[in-house]
Amino acid sequence: MTDLMMAIVVVKSIILLLGGGITYIAYKAYRRTGAASLRVLGVGFGIITLGALLTGIANQFLSVSLEAGVLINSVFVAVGLAIIMYSLYIQQ
């Protein structure tokens, strides 16, 4: 494994841990308050985290090129951020 690939694995692992933590906290807050915006917020962060996980798996185990992995990850991030933006909008 090259240094670049090792760095990608480390960063993807950090994203998985942080994104999973944020998703869990948002879900707990939703369960406590019942606020729909918190549920949607958790879904948005969950999608971003899922994208990081899936693209990491695709790159490491399915021989997907780095460029394709970046594109797939970017789509997940864009969708997740759109959902997060919506969650902030419905909170008003």
PDB file of N, CA and C in Angstrom:
ATOM      1  N   MET A   1       0.861  -1.171   0.000  1.00  0.00           N
ATOM      2  CA  MET A   1       0.000   0.000   0.000  1.00  0.00           C
ATOM      3  C   MET A   1       0.911   1.238   0.000  1.00  0.00           C
ATOM      4  N   THR A   2       0.617   2.157  -0.899  1.00  0.00           N
ATOM      5  CA  THR A   2       1.429   3.369  -0.995  1.00  0.00           C
ATOM      6  C   THR A   2       1.081   4.335   0.138  1.00  0.00           C
ATOM      7  N   ASP A   3       1.926   5.341   0.304  1.00  0.00           N
ATOM      8  CA  ASP A   3       1.676   6.345   1.336  1.00  0.00           C
ATOM      9  C   ASP A   3       0.374   7.092   1.073  1.00  0.00           C
ATOM     10  N   LEU A   4       0.090   7.362  -0.205  1.00  0.00           N
ATOM     11  CA  LEU A   4      -1.158   8.060  -0.555  1.00  0.00           C
ATOM     12  C   LEU A   4      -2.372   7.215  -0.190  1.00  0.00           C
ATOM     13  N   MET A   5      -2.320   5.941  -0.497  1.00  0.00           N
ATOM     14  CA  MET A   5      -3.441   5.054  -0.169  1.00  0.00           C
ATOM     15  C   MET A   5      -3.613   4.936   1.347  1.00  0.00           C
ATOM     16  N   MET A   6      -2.519   4.889   2.075  1.00  0.00           N
ATOM     17  CA  MET A   6      -2.595   4.824   3.537  1.00  0.00           C
ATOM     18  C   MET A   6      -3.230   6.100   4.089  1.00  0.00           C
ATOM     19  N   ALA A   7      -2.856   7.233   3.535  1.00  0.00           N
ATOM     20  CA  ALA A   7      -3.436   8.505   3.972  1.00  0.00           C
ATOM     21  C   ALA A   7      -4.937   8.529   3.691  1.00  0.00           C
ATOM     22  N   ILE A   8      -5.355   8.010   2.550  1.00  0.00           N
ATOM     23  CA  ILE A   8      -6.784   7.959   2.216  1.00  0.00           C
ATOM     24  C   ILE A   8      -7.526   7.079   3.214  1.00  0.00           C
ATOM     25  N   VAL A   9      -6.968   5.940   3.546  1.00  0.00           N
ATOM     26  CA  VAL A   9      -7.607   5.037   4.515  1.00  0.00           C
ATOM     27  C   VAL A   9      -7.740   5.717   5.872  1.00  0.00           C
ATOM     28  N   VAL A  10      -6.704   6.405   6.304  1.00  0.00           N
ATOM     29  CA  VAL A  10      -6.742   7.082   7.600  1.00  0.00           C
ATOM     30  C   VAL A  10      -7.801   8.182   7.600  1.00  0.00           C
ATOM     31  N   VAL A  11      -7.816   9.009   6.557  1.00  0.00           N
ATOM     32  CA  VAL A  11      -8.784  10.112   6.494  1.00  0.00           C
ATOM     33  C   VAL A  11     -10.210   9.576   6.378  1.00  0.00           C
ATOM     34  N   LYS A  12     -10.421   8.545   5.567  1.00  0.00           N
ATOM     35  CA  LYS A  12     -11.760   7.955   5.449  1.00  0.00           C
ATOM     36  C   LYS A  12     -12.214   7.385   6.793  1.00  0.00           C
ATOM     37  N   SER A  13     -11.297   6.795   7.542  1.00  0.00           N
ATOM     38  CA  SER A  13     -11.647   6.265   8.866  1.00  0.00           C
ATOM     39  C   SER A  13     -12.054   7.383   9.821  1.00  0.00           C
ATOM     40  N   ILE A  14     -11.331   8.488   9.780  1.00  0.00           N
ATOM     41  CA  ILE A  14     -11.680   9.640  10.619  1.00  0.00           C
ATOM     42  C   ILE A  14     -13.050  10.180  10.222  1.00  0.00           C
ATOM     43  N   ILE A  15     -13.315  10.293   8.916  1.00  0.00           N
ATOM     44  CA  ILE A  15     -14.622  10.757   8.444  1.00  0.00           C
ATOM     45  C   ILE A  15     -15.721   9.815   8.920  1.00  0.00           C
ATOM     46  N   LEU A  16     -15.476   8.524   8.853  1.00  0.00           N
ATOM     47  CA  LEU A  16     -16.461   7.545   9.303  1.00  0.00           C
ATOM     48  C   LEU A  16     -16.764   7.705  10.788  1.00  0.00           C
ATOM     49  N   LEU A  17     -15.739   7.878  11.598  1.00  0.00           N
ATOM     50  CA  LEU A  17     -15.943   8.039  13.041  1.00  0.00           C
ATOM     51  C   LEU A  17     -16.673   9.348  13.367  1.00  0.00           C
ATOM     52  N   LEU A  18     -16.205  10.451  12.795  1.00  0.00           N
ATOM     53  CA  LEU A  18     -16.836  11.743  13.085  1.00  0.00           C
ATOM     54  C   LEU A  18     -18.247  11.822  12.517  1.00  0.00           C
ATOM     55  N   GLY A  19     -18.422  11.393  11.283  1.00  0.00           N
ATOM     56  CA  GLY A  19     -19.748  11.424  10.670  1.00  0.00           C
ATOM     57  C   GLY A  19     -20.731  10.511  11.393  1.00  0.00           C
ATOM     58  N   GLY A  20     -20.246   9.337  11.790  1.00  0.00           N
ATOM     59  CA  GLY A  20     -21.106   8.433  12.557  1.00  0.00           C
ATOM     60  C   GLY A  20     -21.492   9.029  13.898  1.00  0.00           C
ATOM     61  N   GLY A  21     -20.542   9.714  14.537  1.00  0.00           N
ATOM     62  CA  GLY A  21     -20.838  10.375  15.817  1.00  0.00           C
ATOM     63  C   GLY A  21     -21.865  11.478  15.663  1.00  0.00           C
ATOM     64  N   ILE A  22     -21.705  12.308  14.642  1.00  0.00           N
ATOM     65  CA  ILE A  22     -22.669  13.389  14.410  1.00  0.00           C
ATOM     66  C   ILE A  22     -24.042  12.820  14.093  1.00  0.00           C
ATOM     67  N   THR A  23     -24.082  11.791  13.268  1.00  0.00           N
ATOM     68  CA  THR A  23     -25.362  11.164  12.924  1.00  0.00           C
ATOM     69  C   THR A  23     -26.036  10.610  14.173  1.00  0.00           C
ATOM     70  N   TYR A  24     -25.282   9.956  15.024  1.00  0.00           N
ATOM     71  CA  TYR A  24     -25.826   9.386  16.259  1.00  0.00           C
ATOM     72  C   TYR A  24     -26.344  10.477  17.188  1.00  0.00           C
ATOM     73  N   ILE A  25     -25.581  11.548  17.348  1.00  0.00           N
ATOM     74  CA  ILE A  25     -26.006  12.648  18.221  1.00  0.00           C
ATOM     75  C   ILE A  25     -27.271  13.310  17.681  1.00  0.00           C
ATOM     76  N   ALA A  26     -27.333  13.513  16.367  1.00  0.00           N
ATOM     77  CA  ALA A  26     -28.535  14.112  15.769  1.00  0.00           C
ATOM     78  C   ALA A  26     -29.749  13.197  15.982  1.00  0.00           C
ATOM     79  N   TYR A  27     -29.544  11.887  15.848  1.00  0.00           N
ATOM     80  CA  TYR A  27     -30.645  10.949  16.065  1.00  0.00           C
ATOM     81  C   TYR A  27     -31.114  10.973  17.521  1.00  0.00           C
ATOM     82  N   LYS A  28     -30.161  11.000  18.458  1.00  0.00           N
ATOM     83  CA  LYS A  28     -30.539  11.073  19.872  1.00  0.00           C
ATOM     84  C   LYS A  28     -31.308  12.363  20.159  1.00  0.00           C
ATOM     85  N   ALA A  29     -30.855  13.479  19.579  1.00  0.00           N
ATOM     86  CA  ALA A  29     -31.543  14.754  19.783  1.00  0.00           C
ATOM     87  C   ALA A  29     -32.938  14.706  19.186  1.00  0.00           C
ATOM     88  N   TYR A  30     -33.087  14.074  18.032  1.00  0.00           N
ATOM     89  CA  TYR A  30     -34.412  13.925  17.426  1.00  0.00           C
ATOM     90  C   TYR A  30     -35.323  13.096  18.326  1.00  0.00           C
ATOM     91  N   ARG A  31     -34.819  11.988  18.854  1.00  0.00           N
ATOM     92  CA  ARG A  31     -35.636  11.136  19.725  1.00  0.00           C
ATOM     93  C   ARG A  31     -36.069  11.868  20.986  1.00  0.00           C
ATOM     94  N   ARG A  32     -35.195  12.738  21.485  1.00  0.00           N
ATOM     95  CA  ARG A  32     -35.503  13.484  22.709  1.00  0.00           C
ATOM     96  C   ARG A  32     -36.517  14.594  22.444  1.00  0.00           C
ATOM     97  N   THR A  33     -36.354  15.301  21.317  1.00  0.00           N
ATOM     98  CA  THR A  33     -37.184  16.484  21.065  1.00  0.00           C
ATOM     99  C   THR A  33     -38.329  16.232  20.095  1.00  0.00           C
ATOM    100  N   GLY A  34     -38.162  15.250  19.208  1.00  0.00           N
ATOM    101  CA  GLY A  34     -39.175  15.007  18.185  1.00  0.00           C
ATOM    102  C   GLY A  34     -39.124  16.008  17.041  1.00  0.00           C
ATOM    103  N   ALA A  35     -38.076  16.837  16.978  1.00  0.00           N
ATOM    104  CA  ALA A  35     -37.956  17.854  15.937  1.00  0.00           C
ATOM    105  C   ALA A  35     -37.574  17.196  14.605  1.00  0.00           C
ATOM    106  N   ALA A  36     -38.422  17.391  13.607  1.00  0.00           N
ATOM    107  CA  ALA A  36     -38.172  16.787  12.294  1.00  0.00           C
ATOM    108  C   ALA A  36     -36.874  17.278  11.684  1.00  0.00           C
ATOM    109  N   SER A  37     -36.499  18.518  11.962  1.00  0.00           N
ATOM    110  CA  SER A  37     -35.262  19.056  11.387  1.00  0.00           C
ATOM    111  C   SER A  37     -34.036  18.285  11.877  1.00  0.00           C
ATOM    112  N   LEU A  38     -34.068  17.811  13.102  1.00  0.00           N
ATOM    113  CA  LEU A  38     -32.945  17.024  13.616  1.00  0.00           C
ATOM    114  C   LEU A  38     -32.879  15.655  12.956  1.00  0.00           C
ATOM    115  N   ARG A  39     -34.035  15.081  12.665  1.00  0.00           N
ATOM    116  CA  ARG A  39     -34.059  13.802  11.956  1.00  0.00           C
ATOM    117  C   ARG A  39     -33.457  13.961  10.561  1.00  0.00           C
ATOM    118  N   VAL A  40     -33.872  15.020   9.855  1.00  0.00           N
ATOM    119  CA  VAL A  40     -33.361  15.266   8.512  1.00  0.00           C
ATOM    120  C   VAL A  40     -31.867  15.589   8.557  1.00  0.00           C
ATOM    121  N   LEU A  41     -31.432  16.315   9.568  1.00  0.00           N
ATOM    122  CA  LEU A  41     -30.012  16.621   9.746  1.00  0.00           C
ATOM    123  C   LEU A  41     -29.208  15.332   9.883  1.00  0.00           C
ATOM    124  N   GLY A  42     -29.699  14.424  10.686  1.00  0.00           N
ATOM    125  CA  GLY A  42     -29.031  13.135  10.858  1.00  0.00           C
ATOM    126  C   GLY A  42     -28.963  12.340   9.567  1.00  0.00           C
ATOM    127  N   VAL A  43     -30.027  12.391   8.789  1.00  0.00           N
ATOM    128  CA  VAL A  43     -30.032  11.693   7.491  1.00  0.00           C
ATOM    129  C   VAL A  43     -28.971  12.297   6.575  1.00  0.00           C
ATOM    130  N   GLY A  44     -28.878  13.623   6.549  1.00  0.00           N
ATOM    131  CA  GLY A  44     -27.877  14.279   5.702  1.00  0.00           C
ATOM    132  C   GLY A  44     -26.459  13.875   6.070  1.00  0.00           C
ATOM    133  N   PHE A  45     -26.137  13.918   7.354  1.00  0.00           N
ATOM    134  CA  PHE A  45     -24.800  13.510   7.777  1.00  0.00           C
ATOM    135  C   PHE A  45     -24.589  12.016   7.559  1.00  0.00           C
ATOM    136  N   GLY A  46     -25.644  11.236   7.718  1.00  0.00           N
ATOM    137  CA  GLY A  46     -25.539   9.801   7.462  1.00  0.00           C
ATOM    138  C   GLY A  46     -25.209   9.506   6.013  1.00  0.00           C
ATOM    139  N   ILE A  47     -25.794  10.256   5.084  1.00  0.00           N
ATOM    140  CA  ILE A  47     -25.509  10.057   3.666  1.00  0.00           C
ATOM    141  C   ILE A  47     -24.063  10.427   3.349  1.00  0.00           C
ATOM    142  N   ILE A  48     -23.600  11.534   3.905  1.00  0.00           N
ATOM    143  CA  ILE A  48     -22.199  11.919   3.689  1.00  0.00           C
ATOM    144  C   ILE A  48     -21.261  10.838   4.229  1.00  0.00           C
ATOM    145  N   THR A  49     -21.554  10.333   5.410  1.00  0.00           N
ATOM    146  CA  THR A  49     -20.728   9.299   6.023  1.00  0.00           C
ATOM    147  C   THR A  49     -20.788   8.004   5.221  1.00  0.00           C
ATOM    148  N   LEU A  50     -21.977   7.637   4.778  1.00  0.00           N
ATOM    149  CA  LEU A  50     -22.141   6.434   3.966  1.00  0.00           C
ATOM    150  C   LEU A  50     -21.346   6.552   2.668  1.00  0.00           C
ATOM    151  N   GLY A  51     -21.365   7.738   2.066  1.00  0.00           N
ATOM    152  CA  GLY A  51     -20.596   7.951   0.840  1.00  0.00           C
ATOM    153  C   GLY A  51     -19.110   7.747   1.068  1.00  0.00           C
ATOM    154  N   ALA A  52     -18.601   8.253   2.174  1.00  0.00           N
ATOM    155  CA  ALA A  52     -17.181   8.065   2.482  1.00  0.00           C
ATOM    156  C   ALA A  52     -16.861   6.586   2.675  1.00  0.00           C
ATOM    157  N   LEU A  53     -17.740   5.890   3.351  1.00  0.00           N
ATOM    158  CA  LEU A  53     -17.535   4.462   3.587  1.00  0.00           C
ATOM    159  C   LEU A  53     -17.566   3.676   2.273  1.00  0.00           C
ATOM    160  N   LEU A  54     -18.600   3.919   1.465  1.00  0.00           N
ATOM    161  CA  LEU A  54     -18.755   3.158   0.226  1.00  0.00           C
ATOM    162  C   LEU A  54     -17.642   3.444  -0.774  1.00  0.00           C
ATOM    163  N   THR A  55     -17.235   4.694  -0.886  1.00  0.00           N
ATOM    164  CA  THR A  55     -16.162   4.993  -1.828  1.00  0.00           C
ATOM    165  C   THR A  55     -14.818   4.444  -1.341  1.00  0.00           C
ATOM    166  N   GLY A  56     -14.618   4.429  -0.040  1.00  0.00           N
ATOM    167  CA  GLY A  56     -13.410   3.810   0.495  1.00  0.00           C
ATOM    168  C   GLY A  56     -13.375   2.318   0.209  1.00  0.00           C
ATOM    169  N   ILE A  57     -14.502   1.660   0.408  1.00  0.00           N
ATOM    170  CA  ILE A  57     -14.599   0.226   0.115  1.00  0.00           C
ATOM    171  C   ILE A  57     -14.411  -0.026  -1.374  1.00  0.00           C
ATOM    172  N   ALA A  58     -15.072   0.791  -2.210  1.00  0.00           N
ATOM    173  CA  ALA A  58     -14.968   0.609  -3.660  1.00  0.00           C
ATOM    174  C   ALA A  58     -13.530   0.783  -4.124  1.00  0.00           C
ATOM    175  N   ASN A  59     -12.841   1.751  -3.570  1.00  0.00           N
ATOM    176  CA  ASN A  59     -11.462   2.011  -3.982  1.00  0.00           C
ATOM    177  C   ASN A  59     -10.524   0.906  -3.515  1.00  0.00           C
ATOM    178  N   GLN A  60     -10.692   0.439  -2.295  1.00  0.00           N
ATOM    179  CA  GLN A  60      -9.763  -0.552  -1.735  1.00  0.00           C
ATOM    180  C   GLN A  60     -10.032  -1.971  -2.211  1.00  0.00           C
ATOM    181  N   PHE A  61     -11.293  -2.360  -2.317  1.00  0.00           N
ATOM    182  CA  PHE A  61     -11.617  -3.762  -2.563  1.00  0.00           C
ATOM    183  C   PHE A  61     -12.193  -4.054  -3.943  1.00  0.00           C
ATOM    184  N   LEU A  62     -12.753  -3.039  -4.592  1.00  0.00           N
ATOM    185  CA  LEU A  62     -13.388  -3.272  -5.894  1.00  0.00           C
ATOM    186  C   LEU A  62     -12.594  -2.673  -7.048  1.00  0.00           C
ATOM    187  N   SER A  63     -11.409  -2.202  -6.776  1.00  0.00           N
ATOM    188  CA  SER A  63     -10.510  -1.641  -7.786  1.00  0.00           C
ATOM    189  C   SER A  63     -11.129  -0.502  -8.593  1.00  0.00           C
ATOM    190  N   VAL A  64     -11.978   0.291  -7.955  1.00  0.00           N
ATOM    191  CA  VAL A  64     -12.505   1.488  -8.589  1.00  0.00           C
ATOM    192  C   VAL A  64     -11.387   2.529  -8.604  1.00  0.00           C
ATOM    193  N   SER A  65     -11.242   3.237  -9.703  1.00  0.00           N
ATOM    194  CA  SER A  65     -10.155   4.211  -9.801  1.00  0.00           C
ATOM    195  C   SER A  65     -10.351   5.329  -8.783  1.00  0.00           C
ATOM    196  N   LEU A  66      -9.260   5.993  -8.469  1.00  0.00           N
ATOM    197  CA  LEU A  66      -9.311   7.098  -7.524  1.00  0.00           C
ATOM    198  C   LEU A  66     -10.235   8.202  -8.033  1.00  0.00           C
ATOM    199  N   GLU A  67     -10.177   8.484  -9.340  1.00  0.00           N
ATOM    200  CA  GLU A  67     -11.020   9.528  -9.915  1.00  0.00           C
ATOM    201  C   GLU A  67     -12.506   9.184  -9.786  1.00  0.00           C
ATOM    202  N   ALA A  68     -12.865   7.945 -10.080  1.00  0.00           N
ATOM    203  CA  ALA A  68     -14.262   7.524  -9.951  1.00  0.00           C
ATOM    204  C   ALA A  68     -14.699   7.569  -8.491  1.00  0.00           C
ATOM    205  N   GLY A  69     -13.813   7.187  -7.596  1.00  0.00           N
ATOM    206  CA  GLY A  69     -14.127   7.247  -6.166  1.00  0.00           C
ATOM    207  C   GLY A  69     -14.380   8.669  -5.705  1.00  0.00           C
ATOM    208  N   VAL A  70     -13.556   9.604  -6.180  1.00  0.00           N
ATOM    209  CA  VAL A  70     -13.746  11.007  -5.822  1.00  0.00           C
ATOM    210  C   VAL A  70     -15.085  11.508  -6.359  1.00  0.00           C
ATOM    211  N   LEU A  71     -15.429  11.127  -7.582  1.00  0.00           N
ATOM    212  CA  LEU A  71     -16.715  11.538  -8.160  1.00  0.00           C
ATOM    213  C   LEU A  71     -17.885  10.981  -7.359  1.00  0.00           C
ATOM    214  N   ILE A  72     -17.834   9.708  -7.037  1.00  0.00           N
ATOM    215  CA  ILE A  72     -18.915   9.085  -6.269  1.00  0.00           C
ATOM    216  C   ILE A  72     -19.036   9.741  -4.892  1.00  0.00           C
ATOM    217  N   ASN A  73     -17.903   9.959  -4.236  1.00  0.00           N
ATOM    218  CA  ASN A  73     -17.914  10.596  -2.931  1.00  0.00           C
ATOM    219  C   ASN A  73     -18.490  12.011  -3.023  1.00  0.00           C
ATOM    220  N   SER A  74     -18.134  12.728  -4.072  1.00  0.00           N
ATOM    221  CA  SER A  74     -18.631  14.094  -4.250  1.00  0.00           C
ATOM    222  C   SER A  74     -20.141  14.120  -4.428  1.00  0.00           C
ATOM    223  N   VAL A  75     -20.685  13.133  -5.113  1.00  0.00           N
ATOM    224  CA  VAL A  75     -22.143  13.049  -5.274  1.00  0.00           C
ATOM    225  C   VAL A  75     -22.800  12.836  -3.911  1.00  0.00           C
ATOM    226  N   PHE A  76     -22.267  11.927  -3.115  1.00  0.00           N
ATOM    227  CA  PHE A  76     -22.820  11.696  -1.777  1.00  0.00           C
ATOM    228  C   PHE A  76     -22.730  12.955  -0.917  1.00  0.00           C
ATOM    229  N   VAL A  77     -21.605  13.653  -0.979  1.00  0.00           N
ATOM    230  CA  VAL A  77     -21.438  14.879  -0.198  1.00  0.00           C
ATOM    231  C   VAL A  77     -22.438  15.934  -0.655  1.00  0.00           C
ATOM    232  N   ALA A  78     -22.615  16.090  -1.956  1.00  0.00           N
ATOM    233  CA  ALA A  78     -23.554  17.085  -2.477  1.00  0.00           C
ATOM    234  C   ALA A  78     -24.984  16.776  -2.035  1.00  0.00           C
ATOM    235  N   VAL A  79     -25.382  15.527  -2.131  1.00  0.00           N
ATOM    236  CA  VAL A  79     -26.736  15.133  -1.703  1.00  0.00           C
ATOM    237  C   VAL A  79     -26.884  15.330  -0.197  1.00  0.00           C
ATOM    238  N   GLY A  80     -25.894  14.911   0.560  1.00  0.00           N
ATOM    239  CA  GLY A  80     -25.943  15.070   2.012  1.00  0.00           C
ATOM    240  C   GLY A  80     -26.030  16.531   2.428  1.00  0.00           C
ATOM    241  N   LEU A  81     -25.237  17.388   1.791  1.00  0.00           N
ATOM    242  CA  LEU A  81     -25.275  18.813   2.120  1.00  0.00           C
ATOM    243  C   LEU A  81     -26.604  19.450   1.725  1.00  0.00           C
ATOM    244  N   ALA A  82     -27.177  19.002   0.617  1.00  0.00           N
ATOM    245  CA  ALA A  82     -28.498  19.510   0.227  1.00  0.00           C
ATOM    246  C   ALA A  82     -29.543  19.144   1.280  1.00  0.00           C
ATOM    247  N   ILE A  83     -29.465  17.932   1.802  1.00  0.00           N
ATOM    248  CA  ILE A  83     -30.399  17.495   2.842  1.00  0.00           C
ATOM    249  C   ILE A  83     -30.158  18.284   4.126  1.00  0.00           C
ATOM    250  N   ILE A  84     -28.893  18.514   4.478  1.00  0.00           N
ATOM    251  CA  ILE A  84     -28.585  19.313   5.668  1.00  0.00           C
ATOM    252  C   ILE A  84     -29.125  20.727   5.504  1.00  0.00           C
ATOM    253  N   MET A  85     -28.949  21.294   4.324  1.00  0.00           N
ATOM    254  CA  MET A  85     -29.472  22.640   4.073  1.00  0.00           C
ATOM    255  C   MET A  85     -30.998  22.661   4.246  1.00  0.00           C
ATOM    256  N   TYR A  86     -31.661  21.627   3.738  1.00  0.00           N
ATOM    257  CA  TYR A  86     -33.115  21.521   3.894  1.00  0.00           C
ATOM    258  C   TYR A  86     -33.479  21.436   5.361  1.00  0.00           C
ATOM    259  N   SER A  87     -32.706  20.662   6.146  1.00  0.00           N
ATOM    260  CA  SER A  87     -33.019  20.527   7.574  1.00  0.00           C
ATOM    261  C   SER A  87     -32.921  21.875   8.280  1.00  0.00           C
ATOM    262  N   LEU A  88     -31.986  22.697   7.867  1.00  0.00           N
ATOM    263  CA  LEU A  88     -31.865  24.033   8.465  1.00  0.00           C
ATOM    264  C   LEU A  88     -33.006  24.940   8.006  1.00  0.00           C
ATOM    265  N   TYR A  89     -33.467  24.737   6.787  1.00  0.00           N
ATOM    266  CA  TYR A  89     -34.566  25.533   6.253  1.00  0.00           C
ATOM    267  C   TYR A  89     -35.876  25.207   6.964  1.00  0.00           C
ATOM    268  N   ILE A  90     -36.166  23.919   7.197  1.00  0.00           N
ATOM    269  CA  ILE A  90     -37.449  23.560   7.813  1.00  0.00           C
ATOM    270  C   ILE A  90     -37.481  23.888   9.297  1.00  0.00           C
ATOM    271  N   GLN A  91     -36.324  24.171   9.860  1.00  0.00           N
ATOM    272  CA  GLN A  91     -36.272  24.514  11.289  1.00  0.00           C
ATOM    273  C   GLN A  91     -36.885  25.894  11.530  1.00  0.00           C
ATOM    274  N   GLN A  92     -36.878  26.762  10.541  1.00  0.00           N
ATOM    275  CA  GLN A  92     -37.353  28.134  10.720  1.00  0.00           C
ATOM    276  C   GLN A  92     -38.823  28.192  11.021  1.00  0.00           C
TER     277      GLN A  92
END
